[in-house]
């Protein structure tokens, strides 16, 4: 049973005349007649009584008509939905965001995408790197913004978007305020305010251990705003990416000796075909990354 046969049959149901039905379908009358005959052969009985000047639906025809109308209507709707999705007038995109990435920087990617593709519905999910990779691998996410200290797993492709330095955050009036940069050994005797959601915490811990930096202690929180507030209040220092600085009264200085940077990447699954929405998002993110690179070089 072909869709064109159903379309011809419905036209004949309305016109009850083979000539007028053929004209409505823009086909010849013999072509329409053959299509109806093939449909009747497949169903096992006549759909129409054919008389010299009259055509009537048979009992089988009257029974099948609502089914044909439903199939044809749903098929047209499915085609239209597919068209809207492929032309991005109606589509969705699931994006994972690593929970330690500051919204202030990556929001530019989404702003660019929404401006150029307003018909795409974005679904954002925040998670840790490991969870993002799991969701991406199992098809629960289309792409992810990822900035782990270790290389991405080999089944993923990483598109670099931008790099950002890690800063040391302290209260105003702290001795670090008078420095252009803070060395790792300068942290000795200070209390470390640990951003537990940050994927770089184990890496930073190893740096401190390898450099034999003796800290005064640690406070921990899984909320970055609490860490920044505690640093502003003088309870200790924190490591944070430059774009994550949110407290107006927080003094930040770059970490030097050693410098610490991270790259924010857009992750996709290697070899997995891109949907129209994902392809558009990758293109916008690529342009965003190029502009970020140019801006960083100019600075």
C-alpha atoms as a PDB file:
ATOM      1  CA  UNK A   1       0.000   0.000   0.000  1.00  0.00           C
ATOM      2  CA  UNK A   2       1.598   3.257  -1.162  1.00  0.00           C
ATOM      3  CA  UNK A   3       0.851   6.786   0.015  1.00  0.00           C
ATOM      4  CA  UNK A   4      -0.019   7.959  -3.505  1.00  0.00           C
ATOM      5  CA  UNK A   5      -2.662   5.193  -3.733  1.00  0.00           C
ATOM      6  CA  UNK A   6      -4.243   6.431  -0.513  1.00  0.00           C
ATOM      7  CA  UNK A   7      -4.170  10.014  -1.803  1.00  0.00           C
ATOM      8  CA  UNK A   8      -5.883   8.982  -5.063  1.00  0.00           C
ATOM      9  CA  UNK A   9      -8.459   6.957  -3.154  1.00  0.00           C
ATOM     10  CA  UNK A  10      -9.332   9.866  -0.848  1.00  0.00           C
ATOM     11  CA  UNK A  11      -9.670  12.189  -3.832  1.00  0.00           C
ATOM     12  CA  UNK A  12     -12.065   9.714  -5.439  1.00  0.00           C
ATOM     13  CA  UNK A  13     -14.023   9.403  -2.175  1.00  0.00           C
ATOM     14  CA  UNK A  14     -14.659  13.151  -2.324  1.00  0.00           C
ATOM     15  CA  UNK A  15     -15.241  13.563  -6.050  1.00  0.00           C
ATOM     16  CA  UNK A  16     -16.966  10.216  -6.729  1.00  0.00           C
ATOM     17  CA  UNK A  17     -15.806  10.735 -10.296  1.00  0.00           C
ATOM     18  CA  UNK A  18     -12.632   9.259 -11.766  1.00  0.00           C
ATOM     19  CA  UNK A  19     -12.026  12.158 -14.158  1.00  0.00           C
ATOM     20  CA  UNK A  20     -12.407  14.889 -11.535  1.00  0.00           C
ATOM     21  CA  UNK A  21     -10.350  12.893  -8.992  1.00  0.00           C
ATOM     22  CA  UNK A  22      -7.548  12.481 -11.539  1.00  0.00           C
ATOM     23  CA  UNK A  23      -7.599  16.206 -12.296  1.00  0.00           C
ATOM     24  CA  UNK A  24      -7.389  17.015  -8.570  1.00  0.00           C
ATOM     25  CA  UNK A  25      -4.361  14.712  -8.206  1.00  0.00           C
ATOM     26  CA  UNK A  26      -2.746  16.047 -11.387  1.00  0.00           C
ATOM     27  CA  UNK A  27      -2.488  12.602 -12.982  1.00  0.00           C
ATOM     28  CA  UNK A  28      -4.127  10.930 -15.931  1.00  0.00           C
ATOM     29  CA  UNK A  29      -7.361   9.011 -15.395  1.00  0.00           C
ATOM     30  CA  UNK A  30      -5.771   5.648 -16.400  1.00  0.00           C
ATOM     31  CA  UNK A  31      -2.999   6.207 -13.839  1.00  0.00           C
ATOM     32  CA  UNK A  32      -5.522   6.896 -11.093  1.00  0.00           C
ATOM     33  CA  UNK A  33      -7.645   3.907 -12.132  1.00  0.00           C
ATOM     34  CA  UNK A  34      -4.627   1.575 -12.037  1.00  0.00           C
ATOM     35  CA  UNK A  35      -3.621   2.852  -8.580  1.00  0.00           C
ATOM     36  CA  UNK A  36      -7.129   2.254  -7.215  1.00  0.00           C
ATOM     37  CA  UNK A  37      -7.204  -1.240  -8.761  1.00  0.00           C
ATOM     38  CA  UNK A  38      -3.846  -2.139  -7.158  1.00  0.00           C
ATOM     39  CA  UNK A  39      -5.136  -0.928  -3.802  1.00  0.00           C
ATOM     40  CA  UNK A  40      -8.313  -2.990  -4.150  1.00  0.00           C
ATOM     41  CA  UNK A  41      -6.287  -6.067  -5.103  1.00  0.00           C
ATOM     42  CA  UNK A  42      -4.139  -5.632  -2.013  1.00  0.00           C
ATOM     43  CA  UNK A  43      -7.161  -5.235   0.259  1.00  0.00           C
ATOM     44  CA  UNK A  44      -8.982  -8.131  -1.362  1.00  0.00           C
ATOM     45  CA  UNK A  45     -12.162  -6.396  -2.471  1.00  0.00           C
ATOM     46  CA  UNK A  46     -13.612  -3.420  -4.371  1.00  0.00           C
ATOM     47  CA  UNK A  47     -13.631   0.018  -2.747  1.00  0.00           C
ATOM     48  CA  UNK A  48     -15.955   1.605  -5.315  1.00  0.00           C
ATOM     49  CA  UNK A  49     -18.965   0.593  -7.405  1.00  0.00           C
ATOM     50  CA  UNK A  50     -18.223   1.746 -10.937  1.00  0.00           C
ATOM     51  CA  UNK A  51     -21.305   2.707 -12.948  1.00  0.00           C
ATOM     52  CA  UNK A  52     -21.559   4.544 -16.258  1.00  0.00           C
ATOM     53  CA  UNK A  53     -22.379   7.927 -14.763  1.00  0.00           C
ATOM     54  CA  UNK A  54     -21.984   7.210 -11.079  1.00  0.00           C
ATOM     55  CA  UNK A  55     -19.346   5.984  -8.648  1.00  0.00           C
ATOM     56  CA  UNK A  56     -20.223   4.898  -5.104  1.00  0.00           C
ATOM     57  CA  UNK A  57     -18.211   3.641  -2.129  1.00  0.00           C
ATOM     58  CA  UNK A  58     -18.685  -0.019  -1.326  1.00  0.00           C
ATOM     59  CA  UNK A  59     -19.116  -1.209   2.248  1.00  0.00           C
ATOM     60  CA  UNK A  60     -15.368  -1.959   2.303  1.00  0.00           C
ATOM     61  CA  UNK A  61     -14.684   1.513   0.944  1.00  0.00           C
ATOM     62  CA  UNK A  62     -16.824   3.161   3.630  1.00  0.00           C
ATOM     63  CA  UNK A  63     -15.029   1.163   6.323  1.00  0.00           C
ATOM     64  CA  UNK A  64     -11.520   1.941   5.022  1.00  0.00           C
ATOM     65  CA  UNK A  65     -12.061   5.648   4.353  1.00  0.00           C
ATOM     66  CA  UNK A  66     -11.469   6.890   7.950  1.00  0.00           C
ATOM     67  CA  UNK A  67      -8.338   4.725   8.215  1.00  0.00           C
ATOM     68  CA  UNK A  68      -7.001   6.153   4.962  1.00  0.00           C
ATOM     69  CA  UNK A  69      -7.750   9.695   6.168  1.00  0.00           C
ATOM     70  CA  UNK A  70      -5.901   9.069   9.423  1.00  0.00           C
ATOM     71  CA  UNK A  71      -2.865   7.517   7.717  1.00  0.00           C
ATOM     72  CA  UNK A  72      -2.653  10.291   5.146  1.00  0.00           C
ATOM     73  CA  UNK A  73      -3.060  13.054   7.716  1.00  0.00           C
ATOM     74  CA  UNK A  74      -0.436  11.584  10.038  1.00  0.00           C
ATOM     75  CA  UNK A  75       1.974  11.062   7.161  1.00  0.00           C
ATOM     76  CA  UNK A  76       1.648  14.684   6.066  1.00  0.00           C
ATOM     77  CA  UNK A  77       2.118  15.823   9.647  1.00  0.00           C
ATOM     78  CA  UNK A  78       5.220  13.642  10.023  1.00  0.00           C
ATOM     79  CA  UNK A  79       6.675  15.074   6.812  1.00  0.00           C
ATOM     80  CA  UNK A  80       6.000  18.608   7.975  1.00  0.00           C
ATOM     81  CA  UNK A  81       7.582  17.945  11.375  1.00  0.00           C
ATOM     82  CA  UNK A  82      10.617  16.485   9.637  1.00  0.00           C
ATOM     83  CA  UNK A  83      10.839  19.510   7.341  1.00  0.00           C
ATOM     84  CA  UNK A  84      10.664  21.918  10.282  1.00  0.00           C
ATOM     85  CA  UNK A  85      13.320  19.965  12.148  1.00  0.00           C
ATOM     86  CA  UNK A  86      15.694  19.774   9.186  1.00  0.00           C
ATOM     87  CA  UNK A  87      15.257  23.467   8.406  1.00  0.00           C
ATOM     88  CA  UNK A  88      15.670  24.280  12.143  1.00  0.00           C
ATOM     89  CA  UNK A  89      12.306  26.010  12.327  1.00  0.00           C
ATOM     90  CA  UNK A  90      11.346  23.408  14.943  1.00  0.00           C
ATOM     91  CA  UNK A  91      14.067  21.258  16.535  1.00  0.00           C
ATOM     92  CA  UNK A  92      15.685  20.530  19.878  1.00  0.00           C
ATOM     93  CA  UNK A  93      19.261  20.235  21.092  1.00  0.00           C
ATOM     94  CA  UNK A  94      20.509  18.682  24.336  1.00  0.00           C
ATOM     95  CA  UNK A  95      23.689  20.311  25.619  1.00  0.00           C
ATOM     96  CA  UNK A  96      25.642  19.216  28.668  1.00  0.00           C
ATOM     97  CA  UNK A  97      27.693  21.786  30.565  1.00  0.00           C
ATOM     98  CA  UNK A  98      30.455  20.905  33.012  1.00  0.00           C
ATOM     99  CA  UNK A  99      29.313  22.235  36.361  1.00  0.00           C
ATOM    100  CA  UNK A 100      32.543  24.161  37.057  1.00  0.00           C
ATOM    101  CA  UNK A 101      32.345  26.234  33.849  1.00  0.00           C
ATOM    102  CA  UNK A 102      31.287  29.832  34.450  1.00  0.00           C
ATOM    103  CA  UNK A 103      28.149  30.871  32.585  1.00  0.00           C
ATOM    104  CA  UNK A 104      29.538  34.361  31.918  1.00  0.00           C
ATOM    105  CA  UNK A 105      31.849  33.096  29.166  1.00  0.00           C
ATOM    106  CA  UNK A 106      29.945  30.260  27.519  1.00  0.00           C
ATOM    107  CA  UNK A 107      26.673  32.162  27.447  1.00  0.00           C
ATOM    108  CA  UNK A 108      28.058  33.859  24.336  1.00  0.00           C
ATOM    109  CA  UNK A 109      27.869  30.544  22.454  1.00  0.00           C
ATOM    110  CA  UNK A 110      24.194  30.139  23.312  1.00  0.00           C
ATOM    111  CA  UNK A 111      23.417  33.783  22.577  1.00  0.00           C
ATOM    112  CA  UNK A 112      24.940  33.486  19.099  1.00  0.00           C
ATOM    113  CA  UNK A 113      23.115  30.226  18.432  1.00  0.00           C
ATOM    114  CA  UNK A 114      19.730  31.501  19.605  1.00  0.00           C
ATOM    115  CA  UNK A 115      20.038  34.663  17.525  1.00  0.00           C
ATOM    116  CA  UNK A 116      20.704  32.704  14.334  1.00  0.00           C
ATOM    117  CA  UNK A 117      18.459  29.697  15.038  1.00  0.00           C
ATOM    118  CA  UNK A 118      15.496  30.852  17.176  1.00  0.00           C
ATOM    119  CA  UNK A 119      13.428  27.789  16.302  1.00  0.00           C
ATOM    120  CA  UNK A 120      15.732  25.357  18.100  1.00  0.00           C
ATOM    121  CA  UNK A 121      14.767  24.486  21.668  1.00  0.00           C
ATOM    122  CA  UNK A 122      17.825  24.134  23.921  1.00  0.00           C
ATOM    123  CA  UNK A 123      17.917  21.707  26.841  1.00  0.00           C
ATOM    124  CA  UNK A 124      20.892  22.378  29.146  1.00  0.00           C
ATOM    125  CA  UNK A 125      22.080  19.868  31.742  1.00  0.00           C
ATOM    126  CA  UNK A 126      24.844  20.577  34.254  1.00  0.00           C
ATOM    127  CA  UNK A 127      27.007  17.677  35.417  1.00  0.00           C
ATOM    128  CA  UNK A 128      30.538  16.546  36.179  1.00  0.00           C
ATOM    129  CA  UNK A 129      32.885  15.566  33.360  1.00  0.00           C
ATOM    130  CA  UNK A 130      32.536  11.828  33.907  1.00  0.00           C
ATOM    131  CA  UNK A 131      28.738  12.023  33.931  1.00  0.00           C
ATOM    132  CA  UNK A 132      28.716  14.209  30.818  1.00  0.00           C
ATOM    133  CA  UNK A 133      30.829  11.650  28.964  1.00  0.00           C
ATOM    134  CA  UNK A 134      28.478   8.847  29.998  1.00  0.00           C
ATOM    135  CA  UNK A 135      25.391  10.743  28.858  1.00  0.00           C
ATOM    136  CA  UNK A 136      27.050  11.734  25.597  1.00  0.00           C
ATOM    137  CA  UNK A 137      28.196   8.189  24.856  1.00  0.00           C
ATOM    138  CA  UNK A 138      24.694   6.779  25.513  1.00  0.00           C
ATOM    139  CA  UNK A 139      22.941   9.362  23.338  1.00  0.00           C
ATOM    140  CA  UNK A 140      21.352  11.216  26.247  1.00  0.00           C
ATOM    141  CA  UNK A 141      23.191  14.392  25.202  1.00  0.00           C
ATOM    142  CA  UNK A 142      23.981  15.733  21.734  1.00  0.00           C
ATOM    143  CA  UNK A 143      27.094  17.657  22.755  1.00  0.00           C
ATOM    144  CA  UNK A 144      28.830  18.928  25.874  1.00  0.00           C
ATOM    145  CA  UNK A 145      31.018  21.799  27.081  1.00  0.00           C
ATOM    146  CA  UNK A 146      33.961  20.089  28.724  1.00  0.00           C
ATOM    147  CA  UNK A 147      37.094  21.341  30.531  1.00  0.00           C
ATOM    148  CA  UNK A 148      38.785  18.489  32.366  1.00  0.00           C
ATOM    149  CA  UNK A 149      42.515  18.504  33.205  1.00  0.00           C
ATOM    150  CA  UNK A 150      43.025  15.143  31.508  1.00  0.00           C
ATOM    151  CA  UNK A 151      42.536  14.540  27.749  1.00  0.00           C
ATOM    152  CA  UNK A 152      39.055  13.651  26.566  1.00  0.00           C
ATOM    153  CA  UNK A 153      38.323   9.922  26.025  1.00  0.00           C
ATOM    154  CA  UNK A 154      39.272   8.711  22.515  1.00  0.00           C
ATOM    155  CA  UNK A 155      35.669   8.111  21.416  1.00  0.00           C
ATOM    156  CA  UNK A 156      35.020  11.863  21.558  1.00  0.00           C
ATOM    157  CA  UNK A 157      36.107  14.750  19.364  1.00  0.00           C
ATOM    158  CA  UNK A 158      37.035  17.969  21.183  1.00  0.00           C
ATOM    159  CA  UNK A 159      36.664  21.364  19.524  1.00  0.00           C
ATOM    160  CA  UNK A 160      38.644  23.956  21.557  1.00  0.00           C
ATOM    161  CA  UNK A 161      36.587  27.082  22.229  1.00  0.00           C
ATOM    162  CA  UNK A 162      38.773  29.174  24.526  1.00  0.00           C
ATOM    163  CA  UNK A 163      41.435  29.036  27.242  1.00  0.00           C
ATOM    164  CA  UNK A 164      41.309  30.678  30.649  1.00  0.00           C
ATOM    165  CA  UNK A 165      43.868  31.131  33.415  1.00  0.00           C
ATOM    166  CA  UNK A 166      43.351  30.124  37.001  1.00  0.00           C
ATOM    167  CA  UNK A 167      43.405  32.984  39.461  1.00  0.00           C
ATOM    168  CA  UNK A 168      43.890  33.265  43.213  1.00  0.00           C
ATOM    169  CA  UNK A 169      40.992  35.002  44.953  1.00  0.00           C
ATOM    170  CA  UNK A 170      41.345  36.761  48.332  1.00  0.00           C
ATOM    171  CA  UNK A 171      39.712  39.570  50.324  1.00  0.00           C
ATOM    172  CA  UNK A 172      40.572  43.220  49.793  1.00  0.00           C
ATOM    173  CA  UNK A 173      43.547  44.293  51.877  1.00  0.00           C
ATOM    174  CA  UNK A 174      45.165  40.860  51.706  1.00  0.00           C
ATOM    175  CA  UNK A 175      48.919  40.815  51.115  1.00  0.00           C
ATOM    176  CA  UNK A 176      48.330  39.309  47.654  1.00  0.00           C
ATOM    177  CA  UNK A 177      46.591  42.531  46.561  1.00  0.00           C
ATOM    178  CA  UNK A 178      49.945  44.216  46.136  1.00  0.00           C
ATOM    179  CA  UNK A 179      51.317  41.466  43.869  1.00  0.00           C
ATOM    180  CA  UNK A 180      51.080  41.200  40.090  1.00  0.00           C
ATOM    181  CA  UNK A 181      50.956  37.411  40.382  1.00  0.00           C
ATOM    182  CA  UNK A 182      50.859  34.796  43.126  1.00  0.00           C
ATOM    183  CA  UNK A 183      53.433  32.001  43.194  1.00  0.00           C
ATOM    184  CA  UNK A 184      52.427  28.609  44.473  1.00  0.00           C
ATOM    185  CA  UNK A 185      54.897  28.900  47.364  1.00  0.00           C
ATOM    186  CA  UNK A 186      53.244  32.201  48.390  1.00  0.00           C
ATOM    187  CA  UNK A 187      50.219  30.175  49.475  1.00  0.00           C
ATOM    188  CA  UNK A 188      52.088  28.655  52.421  1.00  0.00           C
ATOM    189  CA  UNK A 189      50.371  29.447  55.709  1.00  0.00           C
ATOM    190  CA  UNK A 190      47.074  30.361  54.018  1.00  0.00           C
ATOM    191  CA  UNK A 191      43.748  28.565  54.323  1.00  0.00           C
ATOM    192  CA  UNK A 192      42.580  26.902  51.089  1.00  0.00           C
ATOM    193  CA  UNK A 193      38.891  27.334  50.211  1.00  0.00           C
ATOM    194  CA  UNK A 194      38.163  24.290  48.070  1.00  0.00           C
ATOM    195  CA  UNK A 195      35.635  24.447  45.201  1.00  0.00           C
ATOM    196  CA  UNK A 196      34.573  20.804  45.405  1.00  0.00           C
ATOM    197  CA  UNK A 197      32.759  20.870  42.062  1.00  0.00           C
ATOM    198  CA  UNK A 198      35.952  21.873  40.252  1.00  0.00           C
ATOM    199  CA  UNK A 199      37.469  19.029  38.228  1.00  0.00           C
ATOM    200  CA  UNK A 200      40.932  20.526  38.796  1.00  0.00           C
ATOM    201  CA  UNK A 201      40.932  20.038  42.580  1.00  0.00           C
ATOM    202  CA  UNK A 202      42.914  16.747  42.463  1.00  0.00           C
ATOM    203  CA  UNK A 203      45.372  18.331  40.033  1.00  0.00           C
ATOM    204  CA  UNK A 204      45.783  21.391  42.289  1.00  0.00           C
ATOM    205  CA  UNK A 205      46.194  19.164  45.346  1.00  0.00           C
ATOM    206  CA  UNK A 206      49.001  17.328  43.578  1.00  0.00           C
ATOM    207  CA  UNK A 207      50.707  20.623  42.711  1.00  0.00           C
ATOM    208  CA  UNK A 208      50.567  21.724  46.343  1.00  0.00           C
ATOM    209  CA  UNK A 209      51.875  18.375  47.526  1.00  0.00           C
ATOM    210  CA  UNK A 210      54.706  18.263  44.990  1.00  0.00           C
ATOM    211  CA  UNK A 211      55.744  21.811  45.915  1.00  0.00           C
ATOM    212  CA  UNK A 212      55.593  20.967  49.654  1.00  0.00           C
ATOM    213  CA  UNK A 213      53.315  23.942  50.361  1.00  0.00           C
ATOM    214  CA  UNK A 214      52.109  23.801  53.988  1.00  0.00           C
ATOM    215  CA  UNK A 215      48.597  25.239  54.229  1.00  0.00           C
ATOM    216  CA  UNK A 216      46.857  26.559  57.332  1.00  0.00           C
ATOM    217  CA  UNK A 217      43.858  24.324  56.639  1.00  0.00           C
ATOM    218  CA  UNK A 218      40.943  23.903  54.263  1.00  0.00           C
ATOM    219  CA  UNK A 219      37.309  24.869  54.079  1.00  0.00           C
ATOM    220  CA  UNK A 220      35.163  23.104  51.460  1.00  0.00           C
ATOM    221  CA  UNK A 221      31.915  23.825  49.650  1.00  0.00           C
ATOM    222  CA  UNK A 222      30.195  22.500  46.515  1.00  0.00           C
ATOM    223  CA  UNK A 223      28.830  25.995  45.846  1.00  0.00           C
ATOM    224  CA  UNK A 224      31.158  28.380  44.059  1.00  0.00           C
ATOM    225  CA  UNK A 225      29.263  31.429  45.336  1.00  0.00           C
ATOM    226  CA  UNK A 226      29.958  30.351  48.929  1.00  0.00           C
ATOM    227  CA  UNK A 227      33.648  29.882  48.184  1.00  0.00           C
ATOM    228  CA  UNK A 228      33.880  33.367  46.637  1.00  0.00           C
ATOM    229  CA  UNK A 229      31.950  34.873  49.559  1.00  0.00           C
ATOM    230  CA  UNK A 230      34.242  33.207  52.109  1.00  0.00           C
ATOM    231  CA  UNK A 231      37.319  34.447  50.241  1.00  0.00           C
ATOM    232  CA  UNK A 232      35.858  37.979  50.163  1.00  0.00           C
ATOM    233  CA  UNK A 233      35.253  37.746  53.908  1.00  0.00           C
ATOM    234  CA  UNK A 234      38.898  36.861  54.566  1.00  0.00           C
ATOM    235  CA  UNK A 235      38.432  33.202  55.455  1.00  0.00           C
ATOM    236  CA  UNK A 236      41.118  32.057  53.013  1.00  0.00           C
ATOM    237  CA  UNK A 237      42.094  31.930  49.345  1.00  0.00           C
ATOM    238  CA  UNK A 238      40.522  30.097  46.426  1.00  0.00           C
ATOM    239  CA  UNK A 239      41.564  28.915  42.980  1.00  0.00           C
ATOM    240  CA  UNK A 240      39.093  29.924  40.313  1.00  0.00           C
ATOM    241  CA  UNK A 241      39.104  30.413  36.526  1.00  0.00           C
ATOM    242  CA  UNK A 242      39.254  34.036  35.437  1.00  0.00           C
ATOM    243  CA  UNK A 243      35.741  33.925  33.988  1.00  0.00           C
ATOM    244  CA  UNK A 244      34.287  32.544  37.212  1.00  0.00           C
ATOM    245  CA  UNK A 245      35.024  35.687  39.237  1.00  0.00           C
ATOM    246  CA  UNK A 246      31.648  36.842  40.535  1.00  0.00           C
ATOM    247  CA  UNK A 247      32.200  38.746  43.789  1.00  0.00           C
ATOM    248  CA  UNK A 248      32.739  42.466  43.181  1.00  0.00           C
ATOM    249  CA  UNK A 249      34.898  42.856  46.284  1.00  0.00           C
ATOM    250  CA  UNK A 250      37.033  39.776  45.567  1.00  0.00           C
ATOM    251  CA  UNK A 251      40.669  40.537  44.718  1.00  0.00           C
ATOM    252  CA  UNK A 252      42.067  38.184  42.079  1.00  0.00           C
ATOM    253  CA  UNK A 253      45.628  37.717  40.932  1.00  0.00           C
ATOM    254  CA  UNK A 254      46.932  35.229  38.340  1.00  0.00           C
ATOM    255  CA  UNK A 255      48.714  32.120  39.562  1.00  0.00           C
ATOM    256  CA  UNK A 256      52.332  32.158  38.399  1.00  0.00           C
ATOM    257  CA  UNK A 257      55.168  29.694  38.951  1.00  0.00           C
ATOM    258  CA  UNK A 258      53.487  27.592  37.711  1.00  0.00           C
ATOM    259  CA  UNK A 259      50.825  29.132  35.508  1.00  0.00           C
ATOM    260  CA  UNK A 260      47.636  27.083  35.394  1.00  0.00           C
ATOM    261  CA  UNK A 261      45.205  27.223  32.461  1.00  0.00           C
ATOM    262  CA  UNK A 262      42.343  25.133  31.195  1.00  0.00           C
ATOM    263  CA  UNK A 263      40.761  24.728  27.778  1.00  0.00           C
ATOM    264  CA  UNK A 264      36.990  24.688  27.393  1.00  0.00           C
ATOM    265  CA  UNK A 265      36.064  22.284  24.581  1.00  0.00           C
ATOM    266  CA  UNK A 266      32.903  21.343  22.738  1.00  0.00           C
ATOM    267  CA  UNK A 267      32.647  17.558  22.859  1.00  0.00           C
ATOM    268  CA  UNK A 268      30.892  15.364  20.263  1.00  0.00           C
ATOM    269  CA  UNK A 269      30.973  11.623  19.601  1.00  0.00           C
ATOM    270  CA  UNK A 270      33.390  10.601  16.847  1.00  0.00           C
ATOM    271  CA  UNK A 271      31.680   9.060  13.829  1.00  0.00           C
ATOM    272  CA  UNK A 272      28.147   9.857  15.027  1.00  0.00           C
ATOM    273  CA  UNK A 273      26.193  11.792  12.373  1.00  0.00           C
ATOM    274  CA  UNK A 274      25.213  15.307  13.399  1.00  0.00           C
ATOM    275  CA  UNK A 275      21.583  16.317  13.397  1.00  0.00           C
ATOM    276  CA  UNK A 276      20.771  19.592  11.666  1.00  0.00           C
ATOM    277  CA  UNK A 277      20.562  21.328  15.058  1.00  0.00           C
ATOM    278  CA  UNK A 278      23.864  19.900  16.279  1.00  0.00           C
ATOM    279  CA  UNK A 279      25.600  20.769  13.017  1.00  0.00           C
ATOM    280  CA  UNK A 280      24.408  24.358  13.336  1.00  0.00           C
ATOM    281  CA  UNK A 281      25.540  24.520  16.966  1.00  0.00           C
ATOM    282  CA  UNK A 282      29.008  23.204  16.089  1.00  0.00           C
ATOM    283  CA  UNK A 283      29.334  25.839  13.351  1.00  0.00           C
ATOM    284  CA  UNK A 284      28.331  28.632  15.724  1.00  0.00           C
ATOM    285  CA  UNK A 285      30.676  27.324  18.432  1.00  0.00           C
ATOM    286  CA  UNK A 286      33.527  27.124  15.913  1.00  0.00           C
ATOM    287  CA  UNK A 287      33.055  30.770  14.965  1.00  0.00           C
ATOM    288  CA  UNK A 288      32.794  31.717  18.635  1.00  0.00           C
ATOM    289  CA  UNK A 289      36.076  29.909  19.313  1.00  0.00           C
ATOM    290  CA  UNK A 290      37.811  31.681  16.430  1.00  0.00           C
ATOM    291  CA  UNK A 291      36.687  35.077  17.694  1.00  0.00           C
ATOM    292  CA  UNK A 292      37.788  34.203  21.240  1.00  0.00           C
ATOM    293  CA  UNK A 293      41.231  33.197  19.916  1.00  0.00           C
ATOM    294  CA  UNK A 294      41.587  36.475  17.991  1.00  0.00           C
ATOM    295  CA  UNK A 295      40.508  38.487  21.040  1.00  0.00           C
ATOM    296  CA  UNK A 296      42.999  36.658  23.268  1.00  0.00           C
ATOM    297  CA  UNK A 297      45.821  37.222  20.759  1.00  0.00           C
ATOM    298  CA  UNK A 298      45.003  40.938  20.554  1.00  0.00           C
ATOM    299  CA  UNK A 299      45.033  41.228  24.349  1.00  0.00           C
END
